[in-house]
PDB file of N, CA and C in Angstrom:
ATOM      1  N   MET A   1       0.816  -1.220  -0.085  1.00  0.00           N
ATOM      2  CA  MET A   1      -0.052  -0.067  -0.077  1.00  0.00           C
ATOM      3  C   MET A   1       0.918   1.257   0.129  1.00  0.00           C
ATOM      4  N   THR A   2       0.503   2.235  -0.632  1.00  0.00           N
ATOM      5  CA  THR A   2       1.328   3.351  -0.873  1.00  0.00           C
ATOM      6  C   THR A   2       0.555   4.648   0.084  1.00  0.00           C
ATOM      7  N   ALA A   3       1.225   4.839   1.014  1.00  0.00           N
ATOM      8  CA  ALA A   3       0.651   6.124   1.911  1.00  0.00           C
ATOM      9  C   ALA A   3       0.948   7.381   1.456  1.00  0.00           C
ATOM     10  N   GLN A   4       0.031   8.358   1.573  1.00  0.00           N
ATOM     11  CA  GLN A   4       0.107   9.759   1.131  1.00  0.00           C
ATOM     12  C   GLN A   4       0.964  10.628   2.234  1.00  0.00           C
ATOM     13  N   CYS A   5       1.897  11.254   1.608  1.00  0.00           N
ATOM     14  CA  CYS A   5       2.787  12.248   2.472  1.00  0.00           C
ATOM     15  C   CYS A   5       1.904  13.440   2.821  1.00  0.00           C
ATOM     16  N   LYS A   6       2.520  14.201   3.724  1.00  0.00           N
ATOM     17  CA  LYS A   6       1.832  15.450   4.461  1.00  0.00           C
ATOM     18  C   LYS A   6       1.882  16.556   3.141  1.00  0.00           C
ATOM     19  N   THR A   7       2.945  16.430   2.419  1.00  0.00           N
ATOM     20  CA  THR A   7       3.048  17.657   1.369  1.00  0.00           C
ATOM     21  C   THR A   7       2.467  17.144   0.084  1.00  0.00           C
ATOM     22  N   CYS A   8       1.854  16.198  -0.043  1.00  0.00           N
ATOM     23  CA  CYS A   8       1.206  15.561  -1.283  1.00  0.00           C
ATOM     24  C   CYS A   8       0.367  16.761  -2.038  1.00  0.00           C
ATOM     25  N   PRO A   9       0.676  17.166  -3.200  1.00  0.00           N
ATOM     26  CA  PRO A   9      -0.334  18.309  -3.903  1.00  0.00           C
ATOM     27  C   PRO A   9      -1.640  17.810  -4.062  1.00  0.00           C
ATOM     28  N   TRP A  10      -2.059  16.558  -3.976  1.00  0.00           N
ATOM     29  CA  TRP A  10      -3.310  16.152  -4.048  1.00  0.00           C
ATOM     30  C   TRP A  10      -4.216  16.407  -2.904  1.00  0.00           C
ATOM     31  N   ARG A  11      -3.468  16.470  -1.663  1.00  0.00           N
ATOM     32  CA  ARG A  11      -4.182  16.480  -0.459  1.00  0.00           C
ATOM     33  C   ARG A  11      -4.635  17.952  -0.209  1.00  0.00           C
ATOM     34  N   ALA A  12      -5.896  18.242   0.104  1.00  0.00           N
ATOM     35  CA  ALA A  12      -6.331  19.624   0.235  1.00  0.00           C
ATOM     36  C   ALA A  12      -5.676  19.985   1.443  1.00  0.00           C
ATOM     37  N   GLY A  13      -5.237  21.284   1.329  1.00  0.00           N
ATOM     38  CA  GLY A  13      -4.591  22.022   2.532  1.00  0.00           C
ATOM     39  C   GLY A  13      -3.088  22.038   2.314  1.00  0.00           C
ATOM     40  N   ALA A  14      -2.490  20.958   1.505  1.00  0.00           N
ATOM     41  CA  ALA A  14      -0.988  20.857   1.255  1.00  0.00           C
ATOM     42  C   ALA A  14      -0.693  21.996   0.364  1.00  0.00           C
ATOM     43  N   ARG A  15       0.700  22.512   0.614  1.00  0.00           N
ATOM     44  CA  ARG A  15       1.234  23.591  -0.126  1.00  0.00           C
ATOM     45  C   ARG A  15       2.409  23.173  -1.043  1.00  0.00           C
ATOM     46  N   VAL A  16       2.316  23.432  -2.210  1.00  0.00           N
ATOM     47  CA  VAL A  16       3.636  22.909  -3.148  1.00  0.00           C
ATOM     48  C   VAL A  16       4.861  23.494  -2.602  1.00  0.00           C
ATOM     49  N   ALA A  17       4.790  24.798  -1.961  1.00  0.00           N
ATOM     50  CA  ALA A  17       5.938  25.354  -1.434  1.00  0.00           C
ATOM     51  C   ALA A  17       6.718  24.559  -0.437  1.00  0.00           C
ATOM     52  N   ASP A  18       5.836  23.626   0.135  1.00  0.00           N
ATOM     53  CA  ASP A  18       6.446  22.829   1.230  1.00  0.00           C
ATOM     54  C   ASP A  18       7.298  21.674   0.736  1.00  0.00           C
ATOM     55  N   ILE A  19       7.079  21.405  -0.602  1.00  0.00           N
ATOM     56  CA  ILE A  19       7.664  20.245  -1.408  1.00  0.00           C
ATOM     57  C   ILE A  19       9.179  20.489  -1.414  1.00  0.00           C
ATOM     58  N   PRO A  20      10.030  19.639  -1.024  1.00  0.00           N
ATOM     59  CA  PRO A  20      11.386  19.787  -1.255  1.00  0.00           C
ATOM     60  C   PRO A  20      11.770  19.736  -2.689  1.00  0.00           C
ATOM     61  N   ARG A  21      12.596  20.680  -3.230  1.00  0.00           N
ATOM     62  CA  ARG A  21      12.981  20.882  -4.529  1.00  0.00           C
ATOM     63  C   ARG A  21      11.908  20.913  -5.620  1.00  0.00           C
ATOM     64  N   TYR A  22      10.727  21.483  -5.156  1.00  0.00           N
ATOM     65  CA  TYR A  22       9.650  21.751  -6.035  1.00  0.00           C
ATOM     66  C   TYR A  22       9.981  22.589  -7.208  1.00  0.00           C
ATOM     67  N   GLU A  23       9.554  21.974  -8.460  1.00  0.00           N
ATOM     68  CA  GLU A  23       9.604  22.751  -9.759  1.00  0.00           C
ATOM     69  C   GLU A  23       8.301  22.823 -10.540  1.00  0.00           C
ATOM     70  N   ARG A  24       7.826  23.958 -10.716  1.00  0.00           N
ATOM     71  CA  ARG A  24       6.440  24.132 -11.225  1.00  0.00           C
ATOM     72  C   ARG A  24       6.498  23.440 -12.698  1.00  0.00           C
ATOM     73  N   ALA A  25       7.532  23.642 -13.470  1.00  0.00           N
ATOM     74  CA  ALA A  25       7.532  23.139 -14.683  1.00  0.00           C
ATOM     75  C   ALA A  25       7.441  21.591 -14.920  1.00  0.00           C
ATOM     76  N   LYS A  26       8.040  20.981 -13.826  1.00  0.00           N
ATOM     77  CA  LYS A  26       7.993  19.536 -13.879  1.00  0.00           C
ATOM     78  C   LYS A  26       6.496  19.210 -13.427  1.00  0.00           C
ATOM     79  N   HIS A  27       5.994  19.865 -12.598  1.00  0.00           N
ATOM     80  CA  HIS A  27       4.609  19.663 -11.992  1.00  0.00           C
ATOM     81  C   HIS A  27       3.552  19.697 -13.179  1.00  0.00           C
ATOM     82  N   GLU A  28       3.724  20.764 -14.126  1.00  0.00           N
ATOM     83  CA  GLU A  28       2.910  20.970 -15.136  1.00  0.00           C
ATOM     84  C   GLU A  28       2.990  19.833 -16.231  1.00  0.00           C
ATOM     85  N   ARG A  29       4.364  19.340 -16.324  1.00  0.00           N
ATOM     86  CA  ARG A  29       4.311  18.078 -17.284  1.00  0.00           C
ATOM     87  C   ARG A  29       3.561  16.807 -16.766  1.00  0.00           C
ATOM     88  N   LEU A  30       3.163  16.808 -15.654  1.00  0.00           N
ATOM     89  CA  LEU A  30       2.453  15.706 -15.166  1.00  0.00           C
ATOM     90  C   LEU A  30       1.218  15.508 -15.763  1.00  0.00           C
ATOM     91  N   ARG A  31       0.705  16.415 -16.815  1.00  0.00           N
ATOM     92  CA  ARG A  31      -0.464  16.255 -17.348  1.00  0.00           C
ATOM     93  C   ARG A  31      -0.569  15.155 -18.122  1.00  0.00           C
ATOM     94  N   ASP A  32       0.596  14.584 -18.506  1.00  0.00           N
ATOM     95  CA  ASP A  32       0.756  13.414 -19.467  1.00  0.00           C
ATOM     96  C   ASP A  32       0.301  12.192 -18.616  1.00  0.00           C
ATOM     97  N   THR A  33       0.167  12.113 -17.206  1.00  0.00           N
ATOM     98  CA  THR A  33      -0.061  11.008 -16.399  1.00  0.00           C
ATOM     99  C   THR A  33      -1.610  10.981 -16.232  1.00  0.00           C
ATOM    100  N   ILE A  34      -2.366  11.993 -16.575  1.00  0.00           N
ATOM    101  CA  ILE A  34      -3.837  11.967 -16.315  1.00  0.00           C
ATOM    102  C   ILE A  34      -4.493  11.444 -17.465  1.00  0.00           C
ATOM    103  N   ALA A  35      -5.207  10.365 -17.225  1.00  0.00           N
ATOM    104  CA  ALA A  35      -6.001   9.724 -18.243  1.00  0.00           C
ATOM    105  C   ALA A  35      -7.346  10.588 -18.430  1.00  0.00           C
ATOM    106  N   GLU A  36      -7.735  10.399 -19.668  1.00  0.00           N
ATOM    107  CA  GLU A  36      -8.963  10.746 -20.139  1.00  0.00           C
ATOM    108  C   GLU A  36      -9.934   9.805 -19.459  1.00  0.00           C
ATOM    109  N   PRO A  37     -10.914  10.127 -18.601  1.00  0.00           N
ATOM    110  CA  PRO A  37     -11.914   9.174 -17.863  1.00  0.00           C
ATOM    111  C   PRO A  37     -12.391   8.133 -18.720  1.00  0.00           C
ATOM    112  N   GLY A  38     -12.281   6.884 -18.533  1.00  0.00           N
ATOM    113  CA  GLY A  38     -12.870   5.787 -19.209  1.00  0.00           C
ATOM    114  C   GLY A  38     -12.200   5.514 -20.441  1.00  0.00           C
ATOM    115  N   SER A  39     -11.133   6.304 -20.834  1.00  0.00           N
ATOM    116  CA  SER A  39     -10.450   5.952 -22.100  1.00  0.00           C
ATOM    117  C   SER A  39      -9.734   4.854 -22.199  1.00  0.00           C
ATOM    118  N   LEU A  40      -9.489   4.085 -23.161  1.00  0.00           N
ATOM    119  CA  LEU A  40      -8.713   2.918 -23.506  1.00  0.00           C
ATOM    120  C   LEU A  40      -7.395   3.146 -24.005  1.00  0.00           C
ATOM    121  N   ALA A  41      -7.138   4.438 -24.179  1.00  0.00           N
ATOM    122  CA  ALA A  41      -5.935   5.044 -24.862  1.00  0.00           C
ATOM    123  C   ALA A  41      -4.589   4.515 -24.178  1.00  0.00           C
ATOM    124  N   GLY A  42      -4.533   4.349 -22.846  1.00  0.00           N
ATOM    125  CA  GLY A  42      -3.405   3.846 -22.301  1.00  0.00           C
ATOM    126  C   GLY A  42      -3.062   2.470 -22.373  1.00  0.00           C
ATOM    127  N   LEU A  43      -4.041   1.768 -22.769  1.00  0.00           N
ATOM    128  CA  LEU A  43      -3.752   0.293 -22.928  1.00  0.00           C
ATOM    129  C   LEU A  43      -3.028  -0.088 -24.064  1.00  0.00           C
ATOM    130  N   GLY A  44      -1.857  -1.000 -24.013  1.00  0.00           N
ATOM    131  CA  GLY A  44      -1.066  -1.179 -24.864  1.00  0.00           C
ATOM    132  C   GLY A  44       0.087  -0.428 -25.145  1.00  0.00           C
ATOM    133  N   ARG A  45       0.158   0.599 -24.359  1.00  0.00           N
ATOM    134  CA  ARG A  45       1.600   1.302 -24.270  1.00  0.00           C
ATOM    135  C   ARG A  45       1.899   1.517 -22.849  1.00  0.00           C
ATOM    136  N   GLY A  46       3.152   2.124 -22.589  1.00  0.00           N
ATOM    137  CA  GLY A  46       3.443   2.084 -21.124  1.00  0.00           C
ATOM    138  C   GLY A  46       2.614   3.058 -20.310  1.00  0.00           C
ATOM    139  N   LEU A  47       2.412   2.643 -19.105  1.00  0.00           N
ATOM    140  CA  LEU A  47       1.464   3.389 -18.078  1.00  0.00           C
ATOM    141  C   LEU A  47       2.383   4.551 -17.596  1.00  0.00           C
ATOM    142  N   LYS A  48       1.850   5.770 -17.825  1.00  0.00           N
ATOM    143  CA  LYS A  48       2.632   7.034 -17.177  1.00  0.00           C
ATOM    144  C   LYS A  48       2.065   7.166 -15.764  1.00  0.00           C
ATOM    145  N   VAL A  49       2.998   7.122 -14.812  1.00  0.00           N
ATOM    146  CA  VAL A  49       2.647   7.225 -13.485  1.00  0.00           C
ATOM    147  C   VAL A  49       3.184   8.438 -12.664  1.00  0.00           C
ATOM    148  N   MET A  50       2.601   9.326 -11.898  1.00  0.00           N
ATOM    149  CA  MET A  50       3.083  10.282 -11.141  1.00  0.00           C
ATOM    150  C   MET A  50       3.776   9.708  -9.890  1.00  0.00           C
ATOM    151  N   ALA A  51       5.093   9.990  -9.731  1.00  0.00           N
ATOM    152  CA  ALA A  51       5.775   9.516  -8.715  1.00  0.00           C
ATOM    153  C   ALA A  51       5.661  10.562  -7.638  1.00  0.00           C
ATOM    154  N   CYS A  52       5.844   9.790  -6.301  1.00  0.00           N
ATOM    155  CA  CYS A  52       5.832  10.682  -5.093  1.00  0.00           C
ATOM    156  C   CYS A  52       7.067  11.543  -5.182  1.00  0.00           C
ATOM    157  N   HIS A  53       6.939  12.705  -4.752  1.00  0.00           N
ATOM    158  CA  HIS A  53       8.339  13.681  -4.776  1.00  0.00           C
ATOM    159  C   HIS A  53       9.298  13.226  -3.652  1.00  0.00           C
ATOM    160  N   TYR A  54       8.978  12.276  -2.859  1.00  0.00           N
ATOM    161  CA  TYR A  54      10.140  11.728  -1.890  1.00  0.00           C
ATOM    162  C   TYR A  54      10.671  10.501  -2.502  1.00  0.00           C
ATOM    163  N   SER A  55      10.101   9.931  -3.674  1.00  0.00           N
ATOM    164  CA  SER A  55      10.807   8.740  -4.262  1.00  0.00           C
ATOM    165  C   SER A  55      11.995   9.141  -4.943  1.00  0.00           C
ATOM    166  N   THR A  56      12.757   8.107  -5.318  1.00  0.00           N
ATOM    167  CA  THR A  56      13.977   8.348  -5.982  1.00  0.00           C
ATOM    168  C   THR A  56      14.130   7.634  -7.451  1.00  0.00           C
ATOM    169  N   GLU A  57      14.961   7.917  -8.273  1.00  0.00           N
ATOM    170  CA  GLU A  57      14.764   7.301  -9.667  1.00  0.00           C
ATOM    171  C   GLU A  57      15.239   5.914  -9.355  1.00  0.00           C
ATOM    172  N   ARG A  58      16.037   5.491  -8.434  1.00  0.00           N
ATOM    173  CA  ARG A  58      16.419   4.015  -8.074  1.00  0.00           C
ATOM    174  C   ARG A  58      15.216   3.263  -7.463  1.00  0.00           C
ATOM    175  N   THR A  59      14.363   4.102  -6.701  1.00  0.00           N
ATOM    176  CA  THR A  59      13.188   3.279  -5.937  1.00  0.00           C
ATOM    177  C   THR A  59      12.023   4.378  -6.164  1.00  0.00           C
ATOM    178  N   PRO A  60      11.542   4.196  -7.417  1.00  0.00           N
ATOM    179  CA  PRO A  60      10.344   5.120  -7.725  1.00  0.00           C
ATOM    180  C   PRO A  60       9.053   4.408  -6.860  1.00  0.00           C
ATOM    181  N   THR A  61       8.172   5.540  -6.313  1.00  0.00           N
ATOM    182  CA  THR A  61       6.949   5.192  -5.493  1.00  0.00           C
ATOM    183  C   THR A  61       5.880   5.850  -6.337  1.00  0.00           C
ATOM    184  N   PRO A  62       4.823   5.349  -6.522  1.00  0.00           N
ATOM    185  CA  PRO A  62       3.652   6.124  -7.112  1.00  0.00           C
ATOM    186  C   PRO A  62       3.039   7.052  -5.971  1.00  0.00           C
ATOM    187  N   CYS A  63       2.732   8.139  -6.485  1.00  0.00           N
ATOM    188  CA  CYS A  63       2.193   9.103  -5.585  1.00  0.00           C
ATOM    189  C   CYS A  63       0.718   8.695  -5.115  1.00  0.00           C
ATOM    190  N   ALA A  64       0.532   8.564  -3.706  1.00  0.00           N
ATOM    191  CA  ALA A  64      -0.711   8.168  -3.296  1.00  0.00           C
ATOM    192  C   ALA A  64      -2.027   8.901  -3.735  1.00  0.00           C
ATOM    193  N   GLY A  65      -1.992  10.292  -3.627  1.00  0.00           N
ATOM    194  CA  GLY A  65      -2.855  11.228  -4.085  1.00  0.00           C
ATOM    195  C   GLY A  65      -3.267  11.035  -5.469  1.00  0.00           C
ATOM    196  N   TRP A  66      -2.164  10.761  -6.438  1.00  0.00           N
ATOM    197  CA  TRP A  66      -2.533  10.556  -7.862  1.00  0.00           C
ATOM    198  C   TRP A  66      -3.226   9.197  -8.148  1.00  0.00           C
ATOM    199  N   LEU A  67      -2.659   8.240  -7.448  1.00  0.00           N
ATOM    200  CA  LEU A  67      -3.243   6.887  -7.477  1.00  0.00           C
ATOM    201  C   LEU A  67      -4.866   6.803  -7.116  1.00  0.00           C
ATOM    202  N   ASN A  68      -5.150   7.725  -5.922  1.00  0.00           N
ATOM    203  CA  ASN A  68      -6.423   7.761  -5.436  1.00  0.00           C
ATOM    204  C   ASN A  68      -7.310   8.604  -6.580  1.00  0.00           C
ATOM    205  N   HIS A  69      -6.746   9.565  -7.103  1.00  0.00           N
ATOM    206  CA  HIS A  69      -7.711  10.379  -8.185  1.00  0.00           C
ATOM    207  C   HIS A  69      -7.835   9.466  -9.383  1.00  0.00           C
ATOM    208  N   GLN A  70      -6.813   8.689  -9.799  1.00  0.00           N
ATOM    209  CA  GLN A  70      -6.798   8.194 -11.103  1.00  0.00           C
ATOM    210  C   GLN A  70      -7.593   6.711 -11.047  1.00  0.00           C
ATOM    211  N   LEU A  71      -7.447   6.072  -9.857  1.00  0.00           N
ATOM    212  CA  LEU A  71      -8.224   4.956  -9.663  1.00  0.00           C
ATOM    213  C   LEU A  71      -9.761   5.166  -9.479  1.00  0.00           C
ATOM    214  N   GLY A  72     -10.018   6.385  -8.912  1.00  0.00           N
ATOM    215  CA  GLY A  72     -11.292   6.723  -8.609  1.00  0.00           C
ATOM    216  C   GLY A  72     -11.975   7.588  -9.713  1.00  0.00           C
ATOM    217  N   GLU A  73     -12.072   8.984  -9.479  1.00  0.00           N
ATOM    218  CA  GLU A  73     -12.764   9.799 -10.418  1.00  0.00           C
ATOM    219  C   GLU A  73     -12.047   9.978 -11.665  1.00  0.00           C
ATOM    220  N   GLY A  74     -10.779   9.717 -11.776  1.00  0.00           N
ATOM    221  CA  GLY A  74      -9.997   9.770 -13.115  1.00  0.00           C
ATOM    222  C   GLY A  74     -10.372   8.648 -13.963  1.00  0.00           C
ATOM    223  N   ASN A  75     -10.794   7.543 -13.362  1.00  0.00           N
ATOM    224  CA  ASN A  75     -11.208   6.244 -14.110  1.00  0.00           C
ATOM    225  C   ASN A  75     -10.051   6.039 -15.080  1.00  0.00           C
ATOM    226  N   ASN A  76      -8.739   5.859 -14.651  1.00  0.00           N
ATOM    227  CA  ASN A  76      -7.874   5.317 -15.567  1.00  0.00           C
ATOM    228  C   ASN A  76      -7.677   3.809 -15.709  1.00  0.00           C
ATOM    229  N   LEU A  77      -8.287   3.367 -16.780  1.00  0.00           N
ATOM    230  CA  LEU A  77      -8.485   1.970 -17.082  1.00  0.00           C
ATOM    231  C   LEU A  77      -7.136   1.172 -17.050  1.00  0.00           C
ATOM    232  N   ALA A  78      -5.972   1.809 -17.682  1.00  0.00           N
ATOM    233  CA  ALA A  78      -4.645   1.198 -17.629  1.00  0.00           C
ATOM    234  C   ALA A  78      -4.253   0.974 -16.349  1.00  0.00           C
ATOM    235  N   LEU A  79      -4.353   1.930 -15.383  1.00  0.00           N
ATOM    236  CA  LEU A  79      -3.899   1.876 -14.177  1.00  0.00           C
ATOM    237  C   LEU A  79      -4.846   0.918 -13.201  1.00  0.00           C
ATOM    238  N   ARG A  80      -6.077   0.941 -13.462  1.00  0.00           N
ATOM    239  CA  ARG A  80      -6.921  -0.197 -12.858  1.00  0.00           C
ATOM    240  C   ARG A  80      -6.353  -1.660 -13.049  1.00  0.00           C
ATOM    241  N   LEU A  81      -5.961  -1.945 -14.370  1.00  0.00           N
ATOM    242  CA  LEU A  81      -5.521  -3.163 -14.631  1.00  0.00           C
ATOM    243  C   LEU A  81      -4.202  -3.514 -14.019  1.00  0.00           C
ATOM    244  N   ALA A  82      -3.347  -2.624 -13.913  1.00  0.00           N
ATOM    245  CA  ALA A  82      -1.941  -2.527 -13.179  1.00  0.00           C
ATOM    246  C   ALA A  82      -2.109  -2.650 -11.674  1.00  0.00           C
ATOM    247  N   ALA A  83      -3.201  -2.112 -11.081  1.00  0.00           N
ATOM    248  CA  ALA A  83      -3.422  -2.276  -9.739  1.00  0.00           C
ATOM    249  C   ALA A  83      -3.865  -3.547  -9.205  1.00  0.00           C
ATOM    250  N   MET A  84      -4.407  -4.349 -10.190  1.00  0.00           N
ATOM    251  CA  MET A  84      -4.840  -5.730  -9.969  1.00  0.00           C
ATOM    252  C   MET A  84      -3.818  -6.551  -9.559  1.00  0.00           C
ATOM    253  N   SER A  85      -2.405  -6.480 -10.004  1.00  0.00           N
ATOM    254  CA  SER A  85      -1.423  -7.214  -9.698  1.00  0.00           C
ATOM    255  C   SER A  85      -0.295  -6.575  -8.834  1.00  0.00           C
ATOM    256  N   ASP A  86      -0.451  -5.275  -8.461  1.00  0.00           N
ATOM    257  CA  ASP A  86       0.758  -4.619  -7.724  1.00  0.00           C
ATOM    258  C   ASP A  86       0.144  -3.779  -6.482  1.00  0.00           C
ATOM    259  N   ALA A  87       0.371  -4.423  -5.418  1.00  0.00           N
ATOM    260  CA  ALA A  87       0.019  -3.836  -4.105  1.00  0.00           C
ATOM    261  C   ALA A  87       0.444  -2.245  -3.896  1.00  0.00           C
ATOM    262  N   ARG A  88       1.529  -1.781  -4.619  1.00  0.00           N
ATOM    263  CA  ARG A  88       2.017  -0.406  -4.435  1.00  0.00           C
ATOM    264  C   ARG A  88       0.807   0.410  -5.057  1.00  0.00           C
ATOM    265  N   MET A  89      -0.072  -0.040  -5.867  1.00  0.00           N
ATOM    266  CA  MET A  89      -0.943   0.876  -6.559  1.00  0.00           C
ATOM    267  C   MET A  89      -2.269   1.041  -5.683  1.00  0.00           C
ATOM    268  N   CYS A  90      -2.168   0.634  -4.558  1.00  0.00           N
ATOM    269  CA  CYS A  90      -3.386   0.699  -3.647  1.00  0.00           C
ATOM    270  C   CYS A  90      -3.095   1.873  -2.651  1.00  0.00           C
ATOM    271  N   PRO A  91      -3.726   3.012  -2.993  1.00  0.00           N
ATOM    272  CA  PRO A  91      -3.363   4.169  -2.074  1.00  0.00           C
ATOM    273  C   PRO A  91      -4.059   4.305  -0.798  1.00  0.00           C
ATOM    274  N   GLU A  92      -3.383   4.941   0.195  1.00  0.00           N
ATOM    275  CA  GLU A  92      -3.895   5.362   1.438  1.00  0.00           C
ATOM    276  C   GLU A  92      -3.890   6.755   1.730  1.00  0.00           C
ATOM    277  N   VAL A  93      -4.963   7.551   1.451  1.00  0.00           N
ATOM    278  CA  VAL A  93      -4.735   8.969   1.411  1.00  0.00           C
ATOM    279  C   VAL A  93      -5.289   9.523   2.791  1.00  0.00           C
ATOM    280  N   ASP A  94      -4.989  10.794   3.024  1.00  0.00           N
ATOM    281  CA  ASP A  94      -5.086  11.472   4.304  1.00  0.00           C
ATOM    282  C   ASP A  94      -6.036  12.620   4.098  1.00  0.00           C
ATOM    283  N   GLY A  95      -7.287  12.455   4.257  1.00  0.00           N
ATOM    284  CA  GLY A  95      -8.413  13.527   4.292  1.00  0.00           C
ATOM    285  C   GLY A  95      -8.718  13.832   2.840  1.00  0.00           C
ATOM    286  N   PRO A  96      -9.382  15.188   2.837  1.00  0.00           N
ATOM    287  CA  PRO A  96      -9.959  15.451   1.632  1.00  0.00           C
ATOM    288  C   PRO A  96      -9.009  15.704   0.575  1.00  0.00           C
ATOM    289  N   GLN A  97      -9.221  15.384  -0.726  1.00  0.00           N
ATOM    290  CA  GLN A  97      -8.327  15.441  -1.936  1.00  0.00           C
ATOM    291  C   GLN A  97      -8.777  16.427  -2.798  1.00  0.00           C
ATOM    292  N   ARG A  98      -7.938  16.993  -3.777  1.00  0.00           N
ATOM    293  CA  ARG A  98      -8.235  17.867  -4.736  1.00  0.00           C
ATOM    294  C   ARG A  98      -8.741  17.040  -6.025  1.00  0.00           C
ATOM    295  N   ARG A  99      -9.690  17.585  -6.614  1.00  0.00           N
ATOM    296  CA  ARG A  99     -10.508  16.930  -7.687  1.00  0.00           C
ATOM    297  C   ARG A  99      -9.717  17.021  -8.957  1.00  0.00           C
ATOM    298  N   SER A 100      -8.571  17.489  -9.353  1.00  0.00           N
ATOM    299  CA  SER A 100      -7.900  17.558 -10.606  1.00  0.00           C
ATOM    300  C   SER A 100      -6.414  18.053 -10.446  1.00  0.00           C
ATOM    301  N   LEU A 101      -5.849  17.748 -11.449  1.00  0.00           N
ATOM    302  CA  LEU A 101      -4.334  18.197 -11.573  1.00  0.00           C
ATOM    303  C   LEU A 101      -4.241  19.657 -11.552  1.00  0.00           C
ATOM    304  N   ALA A 102      -5.221  20.307 -12.300  1.00  0.00           N
ATOM    305  CA  ALA A 102      -5.155  21.888 -12.292  1.00  0.00           C
ATOM    306  C   ALA A 102      -5.440  22.391 -10.894  1.00  0.00           C
ATOM    307  N   ALA A 103      -6.049  21.733  -9.986  1.00  0.00           N
ATOM    308  CA  ALA A 103      -6.374  22.141  -8.603  1.00  0.00           C
ATOM    309  C   ALA A 103      -5.105  22.004  -7.829  1.00  0.00           C
ATOM    310  N   THR A 104      -4.329  20.854  -8.140  1.00  0.00           N
ATOM    311  CA  THR A 104      -2.945  20.755  -7.415  1.00  0.00           C
ATOM    312  C   THR A 104      -2.002  21.877  -7.707  1.00  0.00           C
ATOM    313  N   LEU A 105      -2.221  22.280  -8.977  1.00  0.00           N
ATOM    314  CA  LEU A 105      -1.162  23.504  -9.489  1.00  0.00           C
ATOM    315  C   LEU A 105      -1.604  24.823  -8.746  1.00  0.00           C
ATOM    316  N   ASP A 106      -2.756  25.042  -8.737  1.00  0.00           N
ATOM    317  CA  ASP A 106      -3.419  26.284  -8.112  1.00  0.00           C
ATOM    318  C   ASP A 106      -3.695  26.196  -6.830  1.00  0.00           C
ATOM    319  N   GLU A 107      -3.561  25.086  -6.010  1.00  0.00           N
ATOM    320  CA  GLU A 107      -3.721  24.881  -4.651  1.00  0.00           C
ATOM    321  C   GLU A 107      -5.102  25.450  -4.298  1.00  0.00           C
ATOM    322  N   ASP A 108      -6.238  25.156  -5.224  1.00  0.00           N
ATOM    323  CA  ASP A 108      -7.539  25.467  -4.972  1.00  0.00           C
ATOM    324  C   ASP A 108      -8.313  24.654  -4.012  1.00  0.00           C
ATOM    325  N   ASP A 109      -8.453  24.735  -2.666  1.00  0.00           N
ATOM    326  CA  ASP A 109      -8.946  23.822  -1.787  1.00  0.00           C
ATOM    327  C   ASP A 109     -10.495  23.658  -2.033  1.00  0.00           C
ATOM    328  N   GLU A 110     -11.022  24.779  -2.520  1.00  0.00           N
ATOM    329  CA  GLU A 110     -12.499  24.761  -2.933  1.00  0.00           C
ATOM    330  C   GLU A 110     -12.837  23.603  -3.859  1.00  0.00           C
ATOM    331  N   ASP A 111     -11.914  23.160  -4.551  1.00  0.00           N
ATOM    332  CA  ASP A 111     -12.074  22.078  -5.478  1.00  0.00           C
ATOM    333  C   ASP A 111     -11.689  20.757  -5.108  1.00  0.00           C
ATOM    334  N   ALA A 112     -11.886  20.628  -3.659  1.00  0.00           N
ATOM    335  CA  ALA A 112     -11.478  19.348  -3.094  1.00  0.00           C
ATOM    336  C   ALA A 112     -12.703  18.448  -2.901  1.00  0.00           C
ATOM    337  N   LEU A 113     -12.520  16.910  -2.918  1.00  0.00           N
ATOM    338  CA  LEU A 113     -13.645  16.229  -2.940  1.00  0.00           C
ATOM    339  C   LEU A 113     -14.237  16.150  -1.501  1.00  0.00           C
TER     340      LEU A 113
END
């Protein structure tokens, strides 16, 4: 199971300013990890996953907030199939979550679930 960190941008109330080595340009490039809800486009090609900002290249860990969004409201079908055989794809989130990647960039807590 993947536990959500206190500075996760998906967690309502978290601030990206508290993320070590935060780079907005990298954050914006994460749009490529967001599936069109219900789309089969990700099947048959590599699954793009948002990594936790505390993971390393040697030991990447999926972001729990991203997993929660994409397995739930984001309806990422490719991720759902991967999660069936990988326990790291089961998120444990902490409180209300933001509804979209755009809300993680803007830190708009009014857009929380």
